[in-house]
């Protein structure tokens, strides 16, 4: 069984398996809208390998983090649609 860690997403606590990508943890927790496009359409992970940049979120105050390339860490503070 994988170790569980806790992180905050838009102020709410979620748990995730240690070692997974932030994008996977967010999707497993039910988040599908990570942000919006310039046309105000929902944006979320597309390629899963860091090329499309559609999965960018704010982590610990730093904007533009590719969630598909970022492993989860205990206590992360994530803001979607920032």
N, C-alpha and C. Protein backbone atom coordinates (compact mmCIF):
# COMPACT_ATOMS: atom_id res chain seq x y z
N UNK A 1 0.85 -1.18 0.00
CA UNK A 1 0.00 0.00 0.00
C UNK A 1 0.89 1.24 0.00
N UNK A 2 0.56 2.22 -0.86
CA UNK A 2 1.36 3.43 -0.99
C UNK A 2 1.16 4.35 0.21
N UNK A 3 2.22 5.03 0.56
CA UNK A 3 2.15 6.02 1.63
C UNK A 3 1.26 7.18 1.18
N UNK A 4 0.45 7.70 2.07
CA UNK A 4 -0.45 8.82 1.77
C UNK A 4 0.15 10.11 2.31
N UNK A 5 -0.01 11.17 1.54
CA UNK A 5 0.43 12.49 1.98
C UNK A 5 -0.75 13.45 1.85
N UNK A 6 -0.65 14.60 2.51
CA UNK A 6 -1.70 15.62 2.48
C UNK A 6 -1.20 16.87 1.80
N UNK A 7 -2.10 17.52 1.05
CA UNK A 7 -1.78 18.80 0.45
C UNK A 7 -3.05 19.64 0.41
N UNK A 8 -2.89 20.93 0.25
CA UNK A 8 -4.03 21.85 0.18
C UNK A 8 -4.25 22.26 -1.26
N UNK A 9 -5.50 22.20 -1.69
CA UNK A 9 -5.88 22.63 -3.04
C UNK A 9 -7.00 23.64 -2.90
N UNK A 10 -6.72 24.86 -3.32
CA UNK A 10 -7.70 25.96 -3.18
C UNK A 10 -8.22 26.04 -1.75
N UNK A 11 -7.36 25.79 -0.79
CA UNK A 11 -7.70 25.91 0.62
C UNK A 11 -8.28 24.67 1.26
N UNK A 12 -8.58 23.64 0.47
CA UNK A 12 -9.14 22.40 1.00
C UNK A 12 -8.09 21.29 1.01
N UNK A 13 -8.18 20.41 1.98
CA UNK A 13 -7.20 19.33 2.13
C UNK A 13 -7.58 18.12 1.27
N UNK A 14 -6.60 17.57 0.54
CA UNK A 14 -6.78 16.31 -0.15
C UNK A 14 -5.62 15.39 0.24
N UNK A 15 -5.80 14.11 0.01
CA UNK A 15 -4.71 13.16 0.22
C UNK A 15 -4.36 12.54 -1.11
N UNK A 16 -3.10 12.13 -1.23
CA UNK A 16 -2.61 11.53 -2.47
C UNK A 16 -1.57 10.48 -2.13
N UNK A 17 -1.37 9.57 -3.05
CA UNK A 17 -0.31 8.59 -2.90
C UNK A 17 1.03 9.28 -3.11
N UNK A 18 1.98 9.03 -2.23
CA UNK A 18 3.32 9.58 -2.38
C UNK A 18 3.90 9.10 -3.70
N UNK A 19 4.60 9.98 -4.40
CA UNK A 19 5.28 9.61 -5.63
C UNK A 19 4.51 9.86 -6.91
N UNK A 20 3.21 10.16 -6.82
CA UNK A 20 2.45 10.44 -8.04
C UNK A 20 2.65 11.89 -8.46
N UNK A 21 2.32 12.18 -9.71
CA UNK A 21 2.41 13.57 -10.16
C UNK A 21 1.27 14.38 -9.54
N UNK A 22 1.49 15.66 -9.45
CA UNK A 22 0.46 16.55 -8.92
C UNK A 22 -0.80 16.47 -9.79
N UNK A 23 -0.64 16.41 -11.11
CA UNK A 23 -1.79 16.29 -12.01
C UNK A 23 -2.60 15.04 -11.69
N UNK A 24 -1.94 13.91 -11.49
CA UNK A 24 -2.63 12.66 -11.17
C UNK A 24 -3.36 12.78 -9.84
N UNK A 25 -2.71 13.38 -8.86
CA UNK A 25 -3.33 13.55 -7.54
C UNK A 25 -4.58 14.42 -7.64
N UNK A 26 -4.49 15.50 -8.42
CA UNK A 26 -5.63 16.40 -8.58
C UNK A 26 -6.79 15.70 -9.29
N UNK A 27 -6.47 14.97 -10.36
CA UNK A 27 -7.53 14.28 -11.09
C UNK A 27 -8.14 13.17 -10.24
N UNK A 28 -7.32 12.46 -9.47
CA UNK A 28 -7.84 11.41 -8.58
C UNK A 28 -8.76 11.99 -7.51
N UNK A 29 -8.53 13.26 -7.15
CA UNK A 29 -9.37 13.93 -6.15
C UNK A 29 -10.61 14.57 -6.78
N UNK A 30 -10.78 14.44 -8.11
CA UNK A 30 -11.97 14.94 -8.77
C UNK A 30 -11.83 16.27 -9.47
N UNK A 31 -10.64 16.84 -9.47
CA UNK A 31 -10.44 18.12 -10.15
C UNK A 31 -10.19 17.87 -11.64
N UNK A 32 -10.94 18.52 -12.50
CA UNK A 32 -10.72 18.40 -13.94
C UNK A 32 -10.40 19.75 -14.58
N UNK A 33 -10.80 20.82 -13.93
CA UNK A 33 -10.52 22.17 -14.43
C UNK A 33 -9.37 22.75 -13.63
N UNK A 34 -8.22 22.88 -14.26
CA UNK A 34 -7.04 23.42 -13.58
C UNK A 34 -6.91 24.92 -13.82
N UNK A 35 -7.51 25.39 -14.90
CA UNK A 35 -7.44 26.80 -15.25
C UNK A 35 -8.36 27.06 -16.42
N UNK A 36 -8.16 28.21 -17.09
CA UNK A 36 -8.96 28.55 -18.26
C UNK A 36 -8.05 29.00 -19.39
N UNK A 37 -8.52 28.79 -20.60
CA UNK A 37 -7.79 29.25 -21.78
C UNK A 37 -8.03 30.74 -21.97
N UNK A 38 -7.39 31.31 -22.97
CA UNK A 38 -7.61 32.73 -23.26
C UNK A 38 -9.04 32.98 -23.74
N UNK A 39 -9.71 31.92 -24.15
CA UNK A 39 -11.11 32.03 -24.57
C UNK A 39 -12.06 31.66 -23.43
N UNK A 40 -11.54 31.58 -22.20
CA UNK A 40 -12.31 31.27 -20.99
C UNK A 40 -12.90 29.86 -20.99
N UNK A 41 -12.26 28.95 -21.71
CA UNK A 41 -12.69 27.55 -21.71
C UNK A 41 -11.89 26.78 -20.66
N UNK A 42 -12.47 25.72 -20.10
CA UNK A 42 -11.76 24.93 -19.08
C UNK A 42 -10.45 24.37 -19.63
N UNK A 43 -9.45 24.35 -18.77
CA UNK A 43 -8.14 23.84 -19.15
C UNK A 43 -7.71 22.82 -18.12
N UNK A 44 -7.16 21.72 -18.57
CA UNK A 44 -6.65 20.67 -17.70
C UNK A 44 -5.59 19.88 -18.42
N UNK A 45 -5.04 18.87 -17.78
CA UNK A 45 -3.96 18.08 -18.39
C UNK A 45 -4.37 17.54 -19.75
N UNK A 46 -3.46 17.65 -20.70
CA UNK A 46 -3.73 17.17 -22.05
C UNK A 46 -2.70 16.13 -22.47
N UNK A 47 -1.43 16.54 -22.51
CA UNK A 47 -0.40 15.63 -23.02
C UNK A 47 0.19 14.73 -21.93
N UNK A 48 0.23 15.21 -20.69
CA UNK A 48 0.78 14.42 -19.60
C UNK A 48 2.28 14.30 -19.58
N UNK A 49 2.97 15.06 -20.45
CA UNK A 49 4.43 14.98 -20.46
C UNK A 49 5.12 16.34 -20.50
N UNK A 50 4.39 17.39 -20.13
CA UNK A 50 4.99 18.71 -19.96
C UNK A 50 5.16 19.55 -21.19
N UNK A 51 4.60 19.15 -22.31
CA UNK A 51 4.78 19.90 -23.55
C UNK A 51 3.68 20.93 -23.78
N UNK A 52 2.43 20.57 -23.53
CA UNK A 52 1.30 21.43 -23.89
C UNK A 52 1.09 22.60 -22.92
N UNK A 53 1.58 22.49 -21.70
CA UNK A 53 1.45 23.52 -20.67
C UNK A 53 0.02 23.75 -20.20
N UNK A 54 -0.92 22.87 -20.56
CA UNK A 54 -2.32 23.04 -20.18
C UNK A 54 -2.57 22.71 -18.71
N UNK A 55 -1.61 22.11 -18.04
CA UNK A 55 -1.80 21.67 -16.65
C UNK A 55 -1.16 22.60 -15.64
N UNK A 56 -0.76 23.80 -16.07
CA UNK A 56 -0.06 24.71 -15.16
C UNK A 56 -0.94 25.18 -14.02
N UNK A 57 -0.36 25.19 -12.82
CA UNK A 57 -1.04 25.61 -11.60
C UNK A 57 -0.08 26.44 -10.76
N UNK A 58 -0.58 26.98 -9.68
CA UNK A 58 0.26 27.70 -8.72
C UNK A 58 0.58 26.76 -7.57
N UNK A 59 1.86 26.64 -7.24
CA UNK A 59 2.30 25.78 -6.13
C UNK A 59 3.15 26.60 -5.18
N UNK A 60 2.73 26.64 -3.91
CA UNK A 60 3.46 27.37 -2.88
C UNK A 60 3.80 28.80 -3.33
N UNK A 61 2.83 29.44 -3.98
CA UNK A 61 2.99 30.84 -4.41
C UNK A 61 3.67 31.03 -5.74
N UNK A 62 4.17 29.98 -6.34
CA UNK A 62 4.86 30.09 -7.63
C UNK A 62 3.91 29.68 -8.75
N UNK A 63 3.67 30.60 -9.68
CA UNK A 63 2.74 30.35 -10.78
C UNK A 63 3.43 29.60 -11.92
N UNK A 64 2.62 28.97 -12.77
CA UNK A 64 3.13 28.35 -13.99
C UNK A 64 3.80 27.00 -13.80
N UNK A 65 3.50 26.31 -12.72
CA UNK A 65 4.12 25.00 -12.46
C UNK A 65 3.38 23.93 -13.26
N UNK A 66 4.12 23.14 -14.02
CA UNK A 66 3.52 22.04 -14.79
C UNK A 66 3.20 20.89 -13.83
N UNK A 67 1.92 20.71 -13.56
CA UNK A 67 1.51 19.72 -12.57
C UNK A 67 1.79 18.29 -13.02
N UNK A 68 1.86 18.05 -14.31
CA UNK A 68 2.12 16.69 -14.78
C UNK A 68 3.58 16.29 -14.59
N UNK A 69 4.44 17.26 -14.35
CA UNK A 69 5.87 17.00 -14.17
C UNK A 69 6.33 17.21 -12.74
N UNK A 70 5.39 17.51 -11.84
CA UNK A 70 5.73 17.84 -10.46
C UNK A 70 5.23 16.76 -9.51
N UNK A 71 6.14 16.08 -8.81
CA UNK A 71 5.68 15.08 -7.84
C UNK A 71 5.05 15.76 -6.63
N UNK A 72 4.03 15.11 -6.06
CA UNK A 72 3.40 15.67 -4.87
C UNK A 72 4.36 15.64 -3.70
N UNK A 73 4.21 16.62 -2.82
CA UNK A 73 5.02 16.69 -1.59
C UNK A 73 4.09 17.04 -0.43
N UNK A 74 4.38 16.51 0.71
CA UNK A 74 3.60 16.79 1.91
C UNK A 74 3.52 18.29 2.13
N UNK A 75 2.29 18.78 2.37
CA UNK A 75 2.09 20.19 2.71
C UNK A 75 2.06 21.15 1.55
N UNK A 76 2.12 20.67 0.32
CA UNK A 76 2.04 21.57 -0.83
C UNK A 76 0.77 22.41 -0.75
N UNK A 77 0.87 23.65 -1.18
CA UNK A 77 -0.30 24.52 -1.29
C UNK A 77 -0.51 24.83 -2.76
N UNK A 78 -1.60 24.32 -3.31
CA UNK A 78 -1.88 24.43 -4.75
C UNK A 78 -3.09 25.32 -4.97
N UNK A 79 -2.98 26.19 -5.95
CA UNK A 79 -4.11 27.03 -6.35
C UNK A 79 -4.39 26.75 -7.81
N UNK A 80 -5.62 26.36 -8.11
CA UNK A 80 -6.06 26.12 -9.47
C UNK A 80 -6.71 27.38 -9.99
N UNK A 81 -6.59 27.60 -11.29
CA UNK A 81 -7.21 28.73 -11.97
C UNK A 81 -6.71 30.06 -11.41
N UNK A 82 -5.41 30.09 -11.09
CA UNK A 82 -4.83 31.32 -10.53
C UNK A 82 -4.35 32.25 -11.63
